[in-house]
Amino acid sequence: MAIESLAMLEAAGKDGDLFDAIVKSDCVDRGVTPGASISQMTVLYNAIRRAKEGYDPERRSASGMVGGDGAKMRAYAASGKSICGEYIGSVLAQAIEMGESNACMKCIVAAPTAGSCGVLPAVLLPYQKRENLDDATMVRAMYVAGAVGQIIAQKASIAGAAGGCQAEIGTASAMGAAALCYLAGGSAQAVCHAAAMAIKSLLG
């Protein structure tokens, strides 16, 4: 998905859909049809859902230090005692659960890396449930998130070993913010601003 931020905005145009511009770029870059591109992204989104469903609160990492906390957070969120409320609590629980699955060698989707695998599922899955959105809509948001991740990978780094935690969790947060902004009806420019604000807020 060889696309840059300025090119992405220009391709979308003033009133165009960012999703269309990104899909077109992906098709040109990889030499595939729009149907094949969308099919592959749908597979990725389904993999995120399977990873969520595969969480096992009884499983522990090899060190024994990781496991079970996601289930505790989910139970706390459901108790009604959380200061953030049940929805934000479910977001936190989803992020923890996916991170634990990674540490316990369960199936996850690197988005953009294994170390930051909890962010995008935590952003997208609870939002889809709350807003009752169909999978096709979520796949469109995945393209927007992916484009932001690709821009950062091209211009900077998504590798923690090279760029520190900011490269991984910062990129994932920018991807999630962009996806949420898109789902909320934000323009192409608003999506880019959302991504920039998210990653800038995690600098340091």
C-alpha atoms as a PDB file:
ATOM      1  CA  MET A   1       0.000   0.000   0.000  1.00  0.00           C
ATOM      2  CA  ALA A   2       2.495   2.587  -1.200  1.00  0.00           C
ATOM      3  CA  ILE A   3       0.697   5.764  -0.237  1.00  0.00           C
ATOM      4  CA  GLU A   4       1.852   8.992   1.409  1.00  0.00           C
ATOM      5  CA  SER A   5      -0.192  11.358   3.560  1.00  0.00           C
ATOM      6  CA  LEU A   6      -0.288  14.232   1.081  1.00  0.00           C
ATOM      7  CA  ALA A   7      -0.908  11.889  -1.843  1.00  0.00           C
ATOM      8  CA  MET A   8      -3.649  10.206   0.177  1.00  0.00           C
ATOM      9  CA  LEU A   9      -5.403  13.519   0.773  1.00  0.00           C
ATOM     10  CA  GLU A  10      -5.049  14.564  -2.848  1.00  0.00           C
ATOM     11  CA  ALA A  11      -6.323  11.216  -4.090  1.00  0.00           C
ATOM     12  CA  ALA A  12      -9.367  11.390  -1.836  1.00  0.00           C
ATOM     13  CA  GLY A  13     -10.152  14.923  -2.958  1.00  0.00           C
ATOM     14  CA  LYS A  14     -12.273  17.404  -1.080  1.00  0.00           C
ATOM     15  CA  ASP A  15     -15.384  15.239  -0.832  1.00  0.00           C
ATOM     16  CA  GLY A  16     -14.052  11.817  -1.859  1.00  0.00           C
ATOM     17  CA  ASP A  17     -13.940   8.706   0.276  1.00  0.00           C
ATOM     18  CA  LEU A  18     -10.532   7.918   1.722  1.00  0.00           C
ATOM     19  CA  PHE A  19     -11.272   4.215   1.493  1.00  0.00           C
ATOM     20  CA  ASP A  20     -11.616   4.347  -2.299  1.00  0.00           C
ATOM     21  CA  ALA A  21      -8.279   6.129  -2.690  1.00  0.00           C
ATOM     22  CA  ILE A  22      -6.479   3.628  -0.457  1.00  0.00           C
ATOM     23  CA  VAL A  23      -7.963   0.576  -2.171  1.00  0.00           C
ATOM     24  CA  LYS A  24      -6.969   1.977  -5.563  1.00  0.00           C
ATOM     25  CA  SER A  25      -3.420   2.522  -4.314  1.00  0.00           C
ATOM     26  CA  ASP A  26      -3.241  -1.024  -2.951  1.00  0.00           C
ATOM     27  CA  CYS A  27      -4.460  -2.492  -6.237  1.00  0.00           C
ATOM     28  CA  VAL A  28      -1.863  -0.569  -8.224  1.00  0.00           C
ATOM     29  CA  ASP A  29       0.930  -1.372  -5.774  1.00  0.00           C
ATOM     30  CA  ARG A  30       0.266  -5.126  -5.542  1.00  0.00           C
ATOM     31  CA  GLY A  31      -1.307  -5.723  -8.930  1.00  0.00           C
ATOM     32  CA  VAL A  32      -4.579  -7.093  -7.577  1.00  0.00           C
ATOM     33  CA  THR A  33      -8.251  -6.413  -8.211  1.00  0.00           C
ATOM     34  CA  PRO A  34     -10.375  -4.397  -5.743  1.00  0.00           C
ATOM     35  CA  GLY A  35     -12.263  -7.585  -4.905  1.00  0.00           C
ATOM     36  CA  ALA A  36      -9.058  -9.458  -4.092  1.00  0.00           C
ATOM     37  CA  SER A  37      -7.775  -6.559  -1.998  1.00  0.00           C
ATOM     38  CA  ILE A  38     -10.982  -6.292   0.026  1.00  0.00           C
ATOM     39  CA  SER A  39     -11.122 -10.068   0.446  1.00  0.00           C
ATOM     40  CA  GLN A  40      -7.642 -10.099   1.967  1.00  0.00           C
ATOM     41  CA  MET A  41      -8.454  -7.266   4.372  1.00  0.00           C
ATOM     42  CA  THR A  42     -11.629  -9.080   5.386  1.00  0.00           C
ATOM     43  CA  VAL A  43      -9.517 -12.133   6.232  1.00  0.00           C
ATOM     44  CA  LEU A  44      -7.351  -9.943   8.473  1.00  0.00           C
ATOM     45  CA  TYR A  45     -10.354  -8.487  10.286  1.00  0.00           C
ATOM     46  CA  ASN A  46     -11.798 -11.954  10.811  1.00  0.00           C
ATOM     47  CA  ALA A  47      -8.427 -13.019  12.208  1.00  0.00           C
ATOM     48  CA  ILE A  48      -8.611 -10.194  14.757  1.00  0.00           C
ATOM     49  CA  ARG A  49     -12.044 -11.411  15.825  1.00  0.00           C
ATOM     50  CA  ARG A  50     -10.831 -15.014  16.111  1.00  0.00           C
ATOM     51  CA  ALA A  51      -7.914 -13.833  18.207  1.00  0.00           C
ATOM     52  CA  LYS A  52     -10.378 -12.109  20.528  1.00  0.00           C
ATOM     53  CA  GLU A  53     -12.524 -15.218  20.806  1.00  0.00           C
ATOM     54  CA  GLY A  54      -9.441 -17.366  21.428  1.00  0.00           C
ATOM     55  CA  TYR A  55      -8.473 -15.543  24.618  1.00  0.00           C
ATOM     56  CA  ASP A  56      -8.029 -17.973  27.505  1.00  0.00           C
ATOM     57  CA  PRO A  57      -7.979 -16.373  30.979  1.00  0.00           C
ATOM     58  CA  GLU A  58      -6.508 -19.545  32.451  1.00  0.00           C
ATOM     59  CA  ARG A  59      -3.461 -19.529  30.185  1.00  0.00           C
ATOM     60  CA  ARG A  60      -0.148 -18.160  31.465  1.00  0.00           C
ATOM     61  CA  SER A  61       3.040 -17.092  29.717  1.00  0.00           C
ATOM     62  CA  ALA A  62       6.187 -19.201  29.967  1.00  0.00           C
ATOM     63  CA  SER A  63       7.406 -17.016  32.831  1.00  0.00           C
ATOM     64  CA  GLY A  64       4.079 -17.299  34.626  1.00  0.00           C
ATOM     65  CA  MET A  65       3.941 -13.516  34.973  1.00  0.00           C
ATOM     66  CA  VAL A  66       1.342 -12.803  32.264  1.00  0.00           C
ATOM     67  CA  GLY A  67      -2.215 -14.050  32.019  1.00  0.00           C
ATOM     68  CA  GLY A  68      -5.680 -13.620  33.496  1.00  0.00           C
ATOM     69  CA  ASP A  69      -5.608  -9.853  33.977  1.00  0.00           C
ATOM     70  CA  GLY A  70      -7.756  -9.165  30.920  1.00  0.00           C
ATOM     71  CA  ALA A  71     -10.565 -11.235  32.401  1.00  0.00           C
ATOM     72  CA  LYS A  72     -10.228  -9.361  35.697  1.00  0.00           C
ATOM     73  CA  MET A  73     -10.468  -6.031  33.879  1.00  0.00           C
ATOM     74  CA  ARG A  74     -13.510  -7.173  31.924  1.00  0.00           C
ATOM     75  CA  ALA A  75     -15.258  -8.309  35.102  1.00  0.00           C
ATOM     76  CA  TYR A  76     -14.450  -5.003  36.781  1.00  0.00           C
ATOM     77  CA  ALA A  77     -15.801  -3.038  33.816  1.00  0.00           C
ATOM     78  CA  ALA A  78     -19.025  -5.052  33.919  1.00  0.00           C
ATOM     79  CA  SER A  79     -19.404  -4.449  37.665  1.00  0.00           C
ATOM     80  CA  GLY A  80     -20.365  -0.817  37.108  1.00  0.00           C
ATOM     81  CA  LYS A  81     -17.739   0.403  39.556  1.00  0.00           C
ATOM     82  CA  SER A  82     -15.191   1.541  36.971  1.00  0.00           C
ATOM     83  CA  ILE A  83     -14.535   5.278  36.982  1.00  0.00           C
ATOM     84  CA  CYS A  84     -14.303   5.170  33.173  1.00  0.00           C
ATOM     85  CA  GLY A  85     -17.578   3.316  32.625  1.00  0.00           C
ATOM     86  CA  GLU A  86     -18.278  -0.045  31.051  1.00  0.00           C
ATOM     87  CA  TYR A  87     -17.438   0.932  27.456  1.00  0.00           C
ATOM     88  CA  ILE A  88     -13.949   2.292  28.159  1.00  0.00           C
ATOM     89  CA  GLY A  89     -13.464  -0.572  30.580  1.00  0.00           C
ATOM     90  CA  SER A  90     -14.214  -3.023  27.773  1.00  0.00           C
ATOM     91  CA  VAL A  91     -11.688  -1.229  25.556  1.00  0.00           C
ATOM     92  CA  LEU A  92      -9.030  -1.601  28.245  1.00  0.00           C
ATOM     93  CA  ALA A  93      -9.938  -5.235  28.794  1.00  0.00           C
ATOM     94  CA  GLN A  94      -9.698  -6.009  25.085  1.00  0.00           C
ATOM     95  CA  ALA A  95      -6.250  -4.443  24.839  1.00  0.00           C
ATOM     96  CA  ILE A  96      -4.986  -6.394  27.848  1.00  0.00           C
ATOM     97  CA  GLU A  97      -6.490  -9.663  26.636  1.00  0.00           C
ATOM     98  CA  MET A  98      -4.861  -9.385  23.220  1.00  0.00           C
ATOM     99  CA  GLY A  99      -1.501  -8.490  24.766  1.00  0.00           C
ATOM    100  CA  GLU A 100      -1.779 -11.501  27.064  1.00  0.00           C
ATOM    101  CA  SER A 101      -2.621 -13.762  24.139  1.00  0.00           C
ATOM    102  CA  ASN A 102       0.557 -12.553  22.453  1.00  0.00           C
ATOM    103  CA  ALA A 103       2.668 -13.239  25.555  1.00  0.00           C
ATOM    104  CA  CYS A 104       1.065 -16.681  25.896  1.00  0.00           C
ATOM    105  CA  MET A 105       1.846 -17.599  22.279  1.00  0.00           C
ATOM    106  CA  LYS A 106      -1.787 -17.490  21.137  1.00  0.00           C
ATOM    107  CA  CYS A 107      -2.929 -16.248  17.729  1.00  0.00           C
ATOM    108  CA  ILE A 108      -2.768 -12.461  17.284  1.00  0.00           C
ATOM    109  CA  VAL A 109      -2.627 -10.007  14.386  1.00  0.00           C
ATOM    110  CA  ALA A 110       0.430  -7.743  14.314  1.00  0.00           C
ATOM    111  CA  ALA A 111      -1.102  -4.296  13.857  1.00  0.00           C
ATOM    112  CA  PRO A 112       1.407  -3.021  13.005  1.00  0.00           C
ATOM    113  CA  THR A 113       3.586  -5.185  15.291  1.00  0.00           C
ATOM    114  CA  ALA A 114       3.092  -8.024  17.760  1.00  0.00           C
ATOM    115  CA  GLY A 115       4.069  -5.721  20.617  1.00  0.00           C
ATOM    116  CA  SER A 116       1.238  -3.338  19.779  1.00  0.00           C
ATOM    117  CA  CYS A 117      -1.277  -6.024  18.789  1.00  0.00           C
ATOM    118  CA  GLY A 118      -3.805  -4.992  21.442  1.00  0.00           C
ATOM    119  CA  VAL A 119      -4.506  -1.453  20.257  1.00  0.00           C
ATOM    120  CA  LEU A 120      -6.443  -1.873  17.023  1.00  0.00           C
ATOM    121  CA  PRO A 121      -8.657  -4.715  18.328  1.00  0.00           C
ATOM    122  CA  ALA A 122      -9.398  -2.669  21.443  1.00  0.00           C
ATOM    123  CA  VAL A 123     -10.384   0.317  19.313  1.00  0.00           C
ATOM    124  CA  LEU A 124     -12.414  -1.481  16.653  1.00  0.00           C
ATOM    125  CA  LEU A 125     -14.165  -4.448  18.273  1.00  0.00           C
ATOM    126  CA  PRO A 126     -15.913  -2.648  21.171  1.00  0.00           C
ATOM    127  CA  TYR A 127     -16.832   0.242  18.854  1.00  0.00           C
ATOM    128  CA  GLN A 128     -18.389  -2.125  16.332  1.00  0.00           C
ATOM    129  CA  LYS A 129     -20.441  -3.738  19.074  1.00  0.00           C
ATOM    130  CA  ARG A 130     -21.571  -0.430  20.564  1.00  0.00           C
ATOM    131  CA  GLU A 131     -22.521   1.130  17.233  1.00  0.00           C
ATOM    132  CA  ASN A 132     -23.874  -2.111  15.732  1.00  0.00           C
ATOM    133  CA  LEU A 133     -21.758  -1.732  12.591  1.00  0.00           C
ATOM    134  CA  ASP A 134     -21.405  -4.423   9.947  1.00  0.00           C
ATOM    135  CA  ASP A 135     -18.117  -6.086   9.069  1.00  0.00           C
ATOM    136  CA  ALA A 136     -17.897  -4.350   5.688  1.00  0.00           C
ATOM    137  CA  THR A 137     -17.785  -0.980   7.453  1.00  0.00           C
ATOM    138  CA  MET A 138     -15.073  -2.183   9.800  1.00  0.00           C
ATOM    139  CA  VAL A 139     -13.007  -3.489   6.897  1.00  0.00           C
ATOM    140  CA  ARG A 140     -13.144  -0.014   5.339  1.00  0.00           C
ATOM    141  CA  ALA A 141     -11.793   1.398   8.599  1.00  0.00           C
ATOM    142  CA  MET A 142      -9.041  -1.224   8.539  1.00  0.00           C
ATOM    143  CA  TYR A 143      -7.842   0.192   5.221  1.00  0.00           C
ATOM    144  CA  VAL A 144      -7.611   3.665   6.728  1.00  0.00           C
ATOM    145  CA  ALA A 145      -5.705   2.329   9.731  1.00  0.00           C
ATOM    146  CA  GLY A 146      -3.413   0.342   7.455  1.00  0.00           C
ATOM    147  CA  ALA A 147      -2.637   3.350   5.286  1.00  0.00           C
ATOM    148  CA  VAL A 148      -1.591   5.368   8.331  1.00  0.00           C
ATOM    149  CA  GLY A 149       0.628   2.527   9.496  1.00  0.00           C
ATOM    150  CA  GLN A 150       2.191   2.283   6.049  1.00  0.00           C
ATOM    151  CA  ILE A 151       2.939   6.009   5.944  1.00  0.00           C
ATOM    152  CA  ILE A 152       4.702   5.835   9.310  1.00  0.00           C
ATOM    153  CA  ALA A 153       6.623   2.713   8.252  1.00  0.00           C
ATOM    154  CA  GLN A 154       7.834   4.497   5.114  1.00  0.00           C
ATOM    155  CA  LYS A 155       8.644   7.842   6.714  1.00  0.00           C
ATOM    156  CA  ALA A 156       9.911   6.730  10.121  1.00  0.00           C
ATOM    157  CA  SER A 157       9.757   3.268  11.719  1.00  0.00           C
ATOM    158  CA  ILE A 158       7.341   0.804  13.273  1.00  0.00           C
ATOM    159  CA  ALA A 159      10.125  -1.273  14.844  1.00  0.00           C
ATOM    160  CA  GLY A 160      10.538  -0.938  18.587  1.00  0.00           C
ATOM    161  CA  ALA A 161      14.156  -2.031  18.300  1.00  0.00           C
ATOM    162  CA  ALA A 162      14.851   0.942  16.028  1.00  0.00           C
ATOM    163  CA  GLY A 163      12.434   3.612  17.205  1.00  0.00           C
ATOM    164  CA  GLY A 164      11.532   2.616  20.743  1.00  0.00           C
ATOM    165  CA  CYS A 165       8.044   1.985  22.083  1.00  0.00           C
ATOM    166  CA  GLN A 166       6.767   5.084  20.287  1.00  0.00           C
ATOM    167  CA  ALA A 167       7.392   3.362  16.956  1.00  0.00           C
ATOM    168  CA  GLU A 168       5.084   0.504  17.896  1.00  0.00           C
ATOM    169  CA  ILE A 169       2.437   1.748  20.316  1.00  0.00           C
ATOM    170  CA  GLY A 170       2.480   5.261  18.878  1.00  0.00           C
ATOM    171  CA  THR A 171       1.893   3.947  15.387  1.00  0.00           C
ATOM    172  CA  ALA A 172      -0.876   1.630  16.559  1.00  0.00           C
ATOM    173  CA  SER A 173      -2.552   4.499  18.406  1.00  0.00           C
ATOM    174  CA  ALA A 174      -2.371   6.693  15.310  1.00  0.00           C
ATOM    175  CA  MET A 175      -3.890   3.882  13.265  1.00  0.00           C
ATOM    176  CA  GLY A 176      -6.697   3.440  15.767  1.00  0.00           C
ATOM    177  CA  ALA A 177      -7.429   7.160  15.952  1.00  0.00           C
ATOM    178  CA  ALA A 178      -7.575   7.399  12.169  1.00  0.00           C
ATOM    179  CA  ALA A 179      -9.942   4.443  11.962  1.00  0.00           C
ATOM    180  CA  LEU A 180     -12.263   5.875  14.622  1.00  0.00           C
ATOM    181  CA  CYS A 181     -12.312   9.276  12.974  1.00  0.00           C
ATOM    182  CA  TYR A 182     -13.186   7.655   9.652  1.00  0.00           C
ATOM    183  CA  LEU A 183     -15.969   5.594  11.234  1.00  0.00           C
ATOM    184  CA  ALA A 184     -17.363   8.752  12.817  1.00  0.00           C
ATOM    185  CA  GLY A 185     -17.630  10.391   9.382  1.00  0.00           C
ATOM    186  CA  GLY A 186     -14.449  12.446   9.483  1.00  0.00           C
ATOM    187  CA  SER A 187     -13.010  13.868   6.286  1.00  0.00           C
ATOM    188  CA  ALA A 188      -9.680  12.708   4.865  1.00  0.00           C
ATOM    189  CA  GLN A 189      -8.013  15.746   6.430  1.00  0.00           C
ATOM    190  CA  ALA A 190      -9.674  15.080   9.800  1.00  0.00           C
ATOM    191  CA  VAL A 191      -8.457  11.480   9.684  1.00  0.00           C
ATOM    192  CA  CYS A 192      -4.876  12.647   9.157  1.00  0.00           C
ATOM    193  CA  HIS A 193      -5.187  15.157  12.008  1.00  0.00           C
ATOM    194  CA  ALA A 194      -6.572  12.443  14.304  1.00  0.00           C
ATOM    195  CA  ALA A 195      -3.611  10.197  13.557  1.00  0.00           C
ATOM    196  CA  ALA A 196      -1.137  13.046  14.085  1.00  0.00           C
ATOM    197  CA  MET A 197      -2.693  14.096  17.409  1.00  0.00           C
ATOM    198  CA  ALA A 198      -2.637  10.533  18.704  1.00  0.00           C
ATOM    199  CA  ILE A 199       1.004   9.927  17.911  1.00  0.00           C
ATOM    200  CA  LYS A 200       2.091  13.375  19.163  1.00  0.00           C
ATOM    201  CA  SER A 201       0.341  12.755  22.468  1.00  0.00           C
ATOM    202  CA  LEU A 202       2.540   9.688  23.021  1.00  0.00           C
ATOM    203  CA  LEU A 203       5.882  11.301  22.224  1.00  0.00           C
ATOM    204  CA  GLY A 204       8.477  11.086  24.930  1.00  0.00           C
END
